[in-house]
Structures are given as C-alpha cells and as structure tokens.
PDB file of all heavy atoms in Angstrom:
ATOM      1  N   ALA A   1     -27.656 -41.191  78.572  1.00  0.00           N
ATOM      2  CA  ALA A   1     -27.594 -40.285  79.713  1.00  0.00           C
ATOM      3  C   ALA A   1     -26.157 -39.966  80.106  1.00  0.00           C
ATOM      4  O   ALA A   1     -25.933 -39.275  81.099  1.00  0.00           O
ATOM      5  CB  ALA A   1     -28.337 -40.880  80.910  1.00  0.00           C
ATOM      6  N   ASP A   2     -25.199 -40.424  79.324  1.00  0.00           N
ATOM      7  CA  ASP A   2     -23.789 -40.169  79.609  1.00  0.00           C
ATOM      8  C   ASP A   2     -23.080 -39.722  78.338  1.00  0.00           C
ATOM      9  O   ASP A   2     -23.450 -40.121  77.224  1.00  0.00           O
ATOM     10  CB  ASP A   2     -23.102 -41.427  80.140  1.00  0.00           C
ATOM     11  CG  ASP A   2     -23.628 -41.848  81.501  1.00  0.00           C
ATOM     12  OD1 ASP A   2     -23.428 -41.091  82.456  1.00  0.00           O
ATOM     13  OD2 ASP A   2     -24.242 -42.931  81.582  1.00  0.00           O
ATOM     14  N   GLY A   3     -22.036 -38.904  78.503  1.00  0.00           N
ATOM     15  CA  GLY A   3     -21.223 -38.481  77.380  1.00  0.00           C
ATOM     16  C   GLY A   3     -21.999 -37.722  76.320  1.00  0.00           C
ATOM     17  O   GLY A   3     -21.797 -37.919  75.117  1.00  0.00           O
ATOM     18  N   LEU A   4     -22.890 -36.853  76.750  1.00  0.00           N
ATOM     19  CA  LEU A   4     -23.808 -36.186  75.825  1.00  0.00           C
ATOM     20  C   LEU A   4     -23.269 -34.859  75.298  1.00  0.00           C
ATOM     21  O   LEU A   4     -22.528 -34.149  75.987  1.00  0.00           O
ATOM     22  CB  LEU A   4     -25.144 -35.919  76.521  1.00  0.00           C
ATOM     23  CG  LEU A   4     -25.845 -37.126  77.139  1.00  0.00           C
ATOM     24  CD1 LEU A   4     -27.139 -36.692  77.802  1.00  0.00           C
ATOM     25  CD2 LEU A   4     -26.105 -38.194  76.097  1.00  0.00           C
ATOM     26  N   THR A   5     -23.662 -34.523  74.092  1.00  0.00           N
ATOM     27  CA  THR A   5     -23.453 -33.177  73.573  1.00  0.00           C
ATOM     28  C   THR A   5     -24.343 -32.225  74.359  1.00  0.00           C
ATOM     29  O   THR A   5     -25.501 -32.557  74.649  1.00  0.00           O
ATOM     30  CB  THR A   5     -23.827 -33.114  72.075  1.00  0.00           C
ATOM     31  OG1 THR A   5     -22.993 -34.021  71.363  1.00  0.00           O
ATOM     32  CG2 THR A   5     -23.661 -31.711  71.524  1.00  0.00           C
ATOM     33  N   PRO A   6     -23.865 -31.051  74.741  1.00  0.00           N
ATOM     34  CA  PRO A   6     -24.696 -30.129  75.515  1.00  0.00           C
ATOM     35  C   PRO A   6     -25.931 -29.662  74.748  1.00  0.00           C
ATOM     36  O   PRO A   6     -25.979 -29.717  73.511  1.00  0.00           O
ATOM     37  CB  PRO A   6     -23.753 -28.943  75.781  1.00  0.00           C
ATOM     38  CG  PRO A   6     -22.380 -29.476  75.566  1.00  0.00           C
ATOM     39  CD  PRO A   6     -22.510 -30.534  74.517  1.00  0.00           C
ATOM     40  N   VAL A   7     -26.932 -29.211  75.478  1.00  0.00           N
ATOM     41  CA  VAL A   7     -28.066 -28.524  74.860  1.00  0.00           C
ATOM     42  C   VAL A   7     -27.506 -27.246  74.229  1.00  0.00           C
ATOM     43  O   VAL A   7     -26.823 -26.466  74.899  1.00  0.00           O
ATOM     44  CB  VAL A   7     -29.140 -28.168  75.899  1.00  0.00           C
ATOM     45  CG1 VAL A   7     -30.290 -27.417  75.247  1.00  0.00           C
ATOM     46  CG2 VAL A   7     -29.642 -29.438  76.591  1.00  0.00           C
ATOM     47  N   THR A   8     -27.761 -27.068  72.956  1.00  0.00           N
ATOM     48  CA  THR A   8     -27.076 -26.028  72.196  1.00  0.00           C
ATOM     49  C   THR A   8     -28.044 -25.239  71.326  1.00  0.00           C
ATOM     50  O   THR A   8     -28.963 -25.820  70.728  1.00  0.00           O
ATOM     51  CB  THR A   8     -26.003 -26.660  71.282  1.00  0.00           C
ATOM     52  OG1 THR A   8     -25.101 -27.438  72.082  1.00  0.00           O
ATOM     53  CG2 THR A   8     -25.217 -25.600  70.530  1.00  0.00           C
ATOM     54  N   PHE A   9     -27.840 -23.928  71.258  1.00  0.00           N
ATOM     55  CA  PHE A   9     -28.584 -23.119  70.299  1.00  0.00           C
ATOM     56  C   PHE A   9     -27.824 -23.151  68.982  1.00  0.00           C
ATOM     57  O   PHE A   9     -26.660 -22.768  68.910  1.00  0.00           O
ATOM     58  CB  PHE A   9     -28.732 -21.676  70.782  1.00  0.00           C
ATOM     59  CG  PHE A   9     -29.430 -20.813  69.767  1.00  0.00           C
ATOM     60  CD1 PHE A   9     -30.758 -21.023  69.454  1.00  0.00           C
ATOM     61  CD2 PHE A   9     -28.748 -19.804  69.113  1.00  0.00           C
ATOM     62  CE1 PHE A   9     -31.400 -20.245  68.505  1.00  0.00           C
ATOM     63  CE2 PHE A   9     -29.375 -19.017  68.169  1.00  0.00           C
ATOM     64  CZ  PHE A   9     -30.704 -19.237  67.855  1.00  0.00           C
ATOM     65  N   TYR A  10     -28.486 -23.646  67.948  1.00  0.00           N
ATOM     66  CA  TYR A  10     -27.868 -23.748  66.630  1.00  0.00           C
ATOM     67  C   TYR A  10     -28.400 -22.647  65.709  1.00  0.00           C
ATOM     68  O   TYR A  10     -29.610 -22.477  65.563  1.00  0.00           O
ATOM     69  CB  TYR A  10     -28.171 -25.102  65.986  1.00  0.00           C
ATOM     70  CG  TYR A  10     -27.528 -26.279  66.689  1.00  0.00           C
ATOM     71  CD1 TYR A  10     -28.311 -27.277  67.276  1.00  0.00           C
ATOM     72  CD2 TYR A  10     -26.142 -26.406  66.757  1.00  0.00           C
ATOM     73  CE1 TYR A  10     -27.725 -28.365  67.911  1.00  0.00           C
ATOM     74  CE2 TYR A  10     -25.552 -27.486  67.390  1.00  0.00           C
ATOM     75  CZ  TYR A  10     -26.343 -28.462  67.966  1.00  0.00           C
ATOM     76  OH  TYR A  10     -25.753 -29.534  68.597  1.00  0.00           O
ATOM     77  N   ASN A  11     -27.465 -21.918  65.117  1.00  0.00           N
ATOM     78  CA  ASN A  11     -27.816 -20.925  64.095  1.00  0.00           C
ATOM     79  C   ASN A  11     -26.629 -20.824  63.144  1.00  0.00           C
ATOM     80  O   ASN A  11     -25.848 -19.879  63.183  1.00  0.00           O
ATOM     81  CB  ASN A  11     -28.141 -19.568  64.721  1.00  0.00           C
ATOM     82  CG  ASN A  11     -28.567 -18.541  63.683  1.00  0.00           C
ATOM     83  OD1 ASN A  11     -28.785 -18.871  62.511  1.00  0.00           O
ATOM     84  ND2 ASN A  11     -28.684 -17.293  64.100  1.00  0.00           N
ATOM     85  N   TRP A  12     -26.488 -21.847  62.302  1.00  0.00           N
ATOM     86  CA  TRP A  12     -25.367 -21.878  61.371  1.00  0.00           C
ATOM     87  C   TRP A  12     -25.480 -20.718  60.388  1.00  0.00           C
ATOM     88  O   TRP A  12     -26.508 -20.518  59.755  1.00  0.00           O
ATOM     89  CB  TRP A  12     -25.351 -23.200  60.619  1.00  0.00           C
ATOM     90  CG  TRP A  12     -25.232 -24.373  61.542  1.00  0.00           C
ATOM     91  CD1 TRP A  12     -26.227 -25.216  61.938  1.00  0.00           C
ATOM     92  CD2 TRP A  12     -24.046 -24.810  62.204  1.00  0.00           C
ATOM     93  NE1 TRP A  12     -25.745 -26.161  62.811  1.00  0.00           N
ATOM     94  CE2 TRP A  12     -24.403 -25.942  62.988  1.00  0.00           C
ATOM     95  CE3 TRP A  12     -22.719 -24.369  62.211  1.00  0.00           C
ATOM     96  CZ2 TRP A  12     -23.483 -26.640  63.763  1.00  0.00           C
ATOM     97  CZ3 TRP A  12     -21.808 -25.067  62.990  1.00  0.00           C
ATOM     98  CH2 TRP A  12     -22.179 -26.181  63.751  1.00  0.00           C
ATOM     99  N   GLY A  13     -24.441 -19.918  60.296  1.00  0.00           N
ATOM    100  CA  GLY A  13     -24.457 -18.743  59.422  1.00  0.00           C
ATOM    101  C   GLY A  13     -24.948 -17.490  60.108  1.00  0.00           C
ATOM    102  O   GLY A  13     -25.027 -16.429  59.472  1.00  0.00           O
ATOM    103  N   ASN A  14     -25.292 -17.586  61.397  1.00  0.00           N
ATOM    104  CA  ASN A  14     -25.737 -16.417  62.173  1.00  0.00           C
ATOM    105  C   ASN A  14     -26.869 -15.669  61.489  1.00  0.00           C
ATOM    106  O   ASN A  14     -26.852 -14.448  61.327  1.00  0.00           O
ATOM    107  CB  ASN A  14     -24.561 -15.461  62.438  1.00  0.00           C
ATOM    108  CG  ASN A  14     -23.424 -16.146  63.161  1.00  0.00           C
ATOM    109  OD1 ASN A  14     -23.640 -17.060  63.952  1.00  0.00           O
ATOM    110  ND2 ASN A  14     -22.202 -15.729  62.880  1.00  0.00           N
ATOM    111  N   LYS A  15     -27.891 -16.398  61.082  1.00  0.00           N
ATOM    112  CA  LYS A  15     -29.021 -15.805  60.381  1.00  0.00           C
ATOM    113  C   LYS A  15     -29.949 -15.055  61.331  1.00  0.00           C
ATOM    114  O   LYS A  15     -30.031 -15.356  62.516  1.00  0.00           O
ATOM    115  CB  LYS A  15     -29.816 -16.897  59.654  1.00  0.00           C
ATOM    116  CG  LYS A  15     -28.977 -17.736  58.694  1.00  0.00           C
ATOM    117  CD  LYS A  15     -28.401 -16.901  57.567  1.00  0.00           C
ATOM    118  CE  LYS A  15     -27.667 -17.778  56.561  1.00  0.00           C
ATOM    119  NZ  LYS A  15     -27.095 -17.007  55.444  1.00  0.00           N
ATOM    120  N   LYS A  16     -30.659 -14.071  60.777  1.00  0.00           N
ATOM    121  CA  LYS A  16     -31.677 -13.352  61.522  1.00  0.00           C
ATOM    122  C   LYS A  16     -33.042 -13.971  61.218  1.00  0.00           C
ATOM    123  O   LYS A  16     -33.367 -14.242  60.071  1.00  0.00           O
ATOM    124  CB  LYS A  16     -31.670 -11.873  61.155  1.00  0.00           C
ATOM    125  CG  LYS A  16     -30.412 -11.137  61.598  1.00  0.00           C
ATOM    126  CD  LYS A  16     -30.520  -9.648  61.308  1.00  0.00           C
ATOM    127  CE  LYS A  16     -29.278  -8.914  61.798  1.00  0.00           C
ATOM    128  NZ  LYS A  16     -29.365  -7.450  61.536  1.00  0.00           N
ATOM    129  N   TYR A  17     -33.824 -14.168  62.252  1.00  0.00           N
ATOM    130  CA  TYR A  17     -35.136 -14.778  62.109  1.00  0.00           C
ATOM    131  C   TYR A  17     -36.236 -13.723  62.179  1.00  0.00           C
ATOM    132  O   TYR A  17     -36.195 -12.823  63.021  1.00  0.00           O
ATOM    133  CB  TYR A  17     -35.367 -15.819  63.200  1.00  0.00           C
ATOM    134  CG  TYR A  17     -34.602 -17.113  62.980  1.00  0.00           C
ATOM    135  CD1 TYR A  17     -33.270 -17.220  63.363  1.00  0.00           C
ATOM    136  CD2 TYR A  17     -35.211 -18.201  62.386  1.00  0.00           C
ATOM    137  CE1 TYR A  17     -32.560 -18.397  63.155  1.00  0.00           C
ATOM    138  CE2 TYR A  17     -34.510 -19.386  62.179  1.00  0.00           C
ATOM    139  CZ  TYR A  17     -33.198 -19.478  62.570  1.00  0.00           C
ATOM    140  OH  TYR A  17     -32.497 -20.638  62.367  1.00  0.00           O
ATOM    141  N   TYR A  18     -37.217 -13.872  61.296  1.00  0.00           N
ATOM    142  CA  TYR A  18     -38.376 -12.979  61.285  1.00  0.00           C
ATOM    143  C   TYR A  18     -39.443 -13.541  62.210  1.00  0.00           C
ATOM    144  O   TYR A  18     -39.871 -14.687  62.067  1.00  0.00           O
ATOM    145  CB  TYR A  18     -38.922 -12.843  59.864  1.00  0.00           C
ATOM    146  CG  TYR A  18     -40.219 -12.085  59.787  1.00  0.00           C
ATOM    147  CD1 TYR A  18     -40.250 -10.688  59.926  1.00  0.00           C
ATOM    148  CD2 TYR A  18     -41.420 -12.753  59.571  1.00  0.00           C
ATOM    149  CE1 TYR A  18     -41.436  -9.999  59.856  1.00  0.00           C
ATOM    150  CE2 TYR A  18     -42.613 -12.065  59.501  1.00  0.00           C
ATOM    151  CZ  TYR A  18     -42.613 -10.685  59.647  1.00  0.00           C
ATOM    152  OH  TYR A  18     -43.805  -9.998  59.587  1.00  0.00           O
ATOM    153  N   LYS A  19     -39.904 -12.731  63.166  1.00  0.00           N
ATOM    154  CA  LYS A  19     -40.883 -13.205  64.138  1.00  0.00           C
ATOM    155  C   LYS A  19     -42.296 -13.060  63.588  1.00  0.00           C
ATOM    156  O   LYS A  19     -42.670 -12.023  63.058  1.00  0.00           O
ATOM    157  CB  LYS A  19     -40.754 -12.409  65.445  1.00  0.00           C
ATOM    158  CG  LYS A  19     -41.603 -12.972  66.582  1.00  0.00           C
ATOM    159  CD  LYS A  19     -41.318 -12.263  67.886  1.00  0.00           C
ATOM    160  CE  LYS A  19     -42.098 -12.875  69.033  1.00  0.00           C
ATOM    161  NZ  LYS A  19     -41.802 -12.193  70.317  1.00  0.00           N
ATOM    162  N   MET A  20     -43.075 -14.127  63.706  1.00  0.00           N
ATOM    163  CA  MET A  20     -44.466 -14.105  63.264  1.00  0.00           C
ATOM    164  C   MET A  20     -45.294 -14.921  64.241  1.00  0.00           C
ATOM    165  O   MET A  20     -44.747 -15.534  65.167  1.00  0.00           O
ATOM    166  CB  MET A  20     -44.600 -14.684  61.854  1.00  0.00           C
ATOM    167  CG  MET A  20     -44.118 -16.105  61.695  1.00  0.00           C
ATOM    168  SD  MET A  20     -44.481 -16.824  60.057  1.00  0.00           S
ATOM    169  CE  MET A  20     -43.570 -15.729  58.987  1.00  0.00           C
ATOM    170  N   ASP A  21     -46.618 -14.936  64.064  1.00  0.00           N
ATOM    171  CA  ASP A  21     -47.432 -15.784  64.922  1.00  0.00           C
ATOM    172  C   ASP A  21     -47.634 -17.141  64.248  1.00  0.00           C
ATOM    173  O   ASP A  21     -47.356 -17.329  63.065  1.00  0.00           O
ATOM    174  CB  ASP A  21     -48.775 -15.131  65.271  1.00  0.00           C
ATOM    175  CG  ASP A  21     -49.606 -14.799  64.033  1.00  0.00           C
ATOM    176  OD1 ASP A  21     -49.568 -15.554  63.040  1.00  0.00           O
ATOM    177  OD2 ASP A  21     -50.319 -13.780  64.062  1.00  0.00           O
ATOM    178  N   ARG A  22     -48.108 -18.106  65.009  1.00  0.00           N
ATOM    179  CA  ARG A  22     -48.216 -19.472  64.497  1.00  0.00           C
ATOM    180  C   ARG A  22     -49.209 -19.577  63.342  1.00  0.00           C
ATOM    181  O   ARG A  22     -48.988 -20.320  62.379  1.00  0.00           O
ATOM    182  CB  ARG A  22     -48.645 -20.427  65.624  1.00  0.00           C
ATOM    183  CG  ARG A  22     -48.535 -21.902  65.251  1.00  0.00           C
ATOM    184  CD  ARG A  22     -48.938 -22.788  66.408  1.00  0.00           C
ATOM    185  NE  ARG A  22     -50.356 -22.723  66.659  1.00  0.00           N
ATOM    186  CZ  ARG A  22     -51.263 -23.491  66.035  1.00  0.00           C
ATOM    187  NH1 ARG A  22     -50.874 -24.384  65.140  1.00  0.00           N
ATOM    188  NH2 ARG A  22     -52.534 -23.396  66.329  1.00  0.00           N
ATOM    189  N   GLU A  23     -50.306 -18.825  63.413  1.00  0.00           N
ATOM    190  CA  GLU A  23     -51.318 -18.897  62.361  1.00  0.00           C
ATOM    191  C   GLU A  23     -50.742 -18.437  61.019  1.00  0.00           C
ATOM    192  O   GLU A  23     -50.974 -19.062  59.981  1.00  0.00           O
ATOM    193  CB  GLU A  23     -52.536 -18.046  62.752  1.00  0.00           C
ATOM    194  CG  GLU A  23     -53.371 -18.611  63.887  1.00  0.00           C
ATOM    195  CD  GLU A  23     -52.712 -18.488  65.244  1.00  0.00           C
ATOM    196  OE1 GLU A  23     -51.763 -17.653  65.377  1.00  0.00           O
ATOM    197  OE2 GLU A  23     -53.098 -19.223  66.167  1.00  0.00           O
ATOM    198  N   LYS A  24     -49.988 -17.362  61.032  1.00  0.00           N
ATOM    199  CA  LYS A  24     -49.367 -16.875  59.801  1.00  0.00           C
ATOM    200  C   LYS A  24     -48.336 -17.882  59.298  1.00  0.00           C
ATOM    201  O   LYS A  24     -48.223 -18.124  58.082  1.00  0.00           O
ATOM    202  CB  LYS A  24     -48.702 -15.521  60.043  1.00  0.00           C
ATOM    203  CG  LYS A  24     -48.074 -14.898  58.806  1.00  0.00           C
ATOM    204  CD  LYS A  24     -47.512 -13.521  59.101  1.00  0.00           C
ATOM    205  CE  LYS A  24     -46.880 -12.902  57.849  1.00  0.00           C
ATOM    206  NZ  LYS A  24     -46.328 -11.543  58.134  1.00  0.00           N
ATOM    207  N   PHE A  25     -47.600 -18.490  60.214  1.00  0.00           N
ATOM    208  CA  PHE A  25     -46.602 -19.476  59.846  1.00  0.00           C
ATOM    209  C   PHE A  25     -47.251 -20.675  59.159  1.00  0.00           C
ATOM    210  O   PHE A  25     -46.753 -21.175  58.143  1.00  0.00           O
ATOM    211  CB  PHE A  25     -45.842 -19.930  61.093  1.00  0.00           C
ATOM    212  CG  PHE A  25     -44.807 -20.981  60.841  1.00  0.00           C
ATOM    213  CD1 PHE A  25     -43.559 -20.647  60.349  1.00  0.00           C
ATOM    214  CD2 PHE A  25     -45.082 -22.326  61.091  1.00  0.00           C
ATOM    215  CE1 PHE A  25     -42.601 -21.619  60.108  1.00  0.00           C
ATOM    216  CE2 PHE A  25     -44.127 -23.304  60.862  1.00  0.00           C
ATOM    217  CZ  PHE A  25     -42.885 -22.950  60.372  1.00  0.00           C
ATOM    218  N   LEU A  26     -48.387 -21.147  59.684  1.00  0.00           N
ATOM    219  CA  LEU A  26     -49.067 -22.291  59.091  1.00  0.00           C
ATOM    220  C   LEU A  26     -49.571 -21.984  57.686  1.00  0.00           C
ATOM    221  O   LEU A  26     -49.518 -22.839  56.796  1.00  0.00           O
ATOM    222  CB  LEU A  26     -50.233 -22.743  59.976  1.00  0.00           C
ATOM    223  CG  LEU A  26     -49.871 -23.449  61.280  1.00  0.00           C
ATOM    224  CD1 LEU A  26     -51.122 -23.922  61.987  1.00  0.00           C
ATOM    225  CD2 LEU A  26     -48.936 -24.621  61.030  1.00  0.00           C
ATOM    226  N   LYS A  27     -50.071 -20.780  57.476  1.00  0.00           N
ATOM    227  CA  LYS A  27     -50.510 -20.392  56.129  1.00  0.00           C
ATOM    228  C   LYS A  27     -49.330 -20.431  55.166  1.00  0.00           C
ATOM    229  O   LYS A  27     -49.449 -20.862  54.025  1.00  0.00           O
ATOM    230  CB  LYS A  27     -51.136 -19.003  56.157  1.00  0.00           C
ATOM    231  CG  LYS A  27     -52.472 -18.940  56.870  1.00  0.00           C
ATOM    232  CD  LYS A  27     -53.033 -17.527  56.858  1.00  0.00           C
ATOM    233  CE  LYS A  27     -54.368 -17.475  57.593  1.00  0.00           C
ATOM    234  NZ  LYS A  27     -54.913 -16.085  57.620  1.00  0.00           N
ATOM    235  N   TYR A  28     -48.190 -19.994  55.638  1.00  0.00           N
ATOM    236  CA  TYR A  28     -46.979 -19.995  54.823  1.00  0.00           C
ATOM    237  C   TYR A  28     -46.540 -21.417  54.509  1.00  0.00           C
ATOM    238  O   TYR A  28     -46.206 -21.754  53.369  1.00  0.00           O
ATOM    239  CB  TYR A  28     -45.883 -19.224  55.557  1.00  0.00           C
ATOM    240  CG  TYR A  28     -44.491 -19.419  55.007  1.00  0.00           C
ATOM    241  CD1 TYR A  28     -44.113 -18.841  53.805  1.00  0.00           C
ATOM    242  CD2 TYR A  28     -43.553 -20.178  55.704  1.00  0.00           C
ATOM    243  CE1 TYR A  28     -42.831 -19.022  53.296  1.00  0.00           C
ATOM    244  CE2 TYR A  28     -42.282 -20.365  55.211  1.00  0.00           C
ATOM    245  CZ  TYR A  28     -41.922 -19.790  54.004  1.00  0.00           C
ATOM    246  OH  TYR A  28     -40.671 -19.974  53.515  1.00  0.00           O
TER     247      TYR A  28
END
C-alpha cells in the first residue's frame, strides 16, 4: 500500500485494438 507504481494504461508499441463482443472473442 506504499511506494506503488501508478495505475497505468499499457500499450507498448501504440497498437490499435479491434473491438469485438465477448462471444466472438471466446470463439477465437
């Protein structure tokens, strides 16, 4: 609870994400 790294959004390489629904993701 002390000396923590901040809550951070990580996207190494600045990639673009394709949005899908969970059901399609599970099939994949």
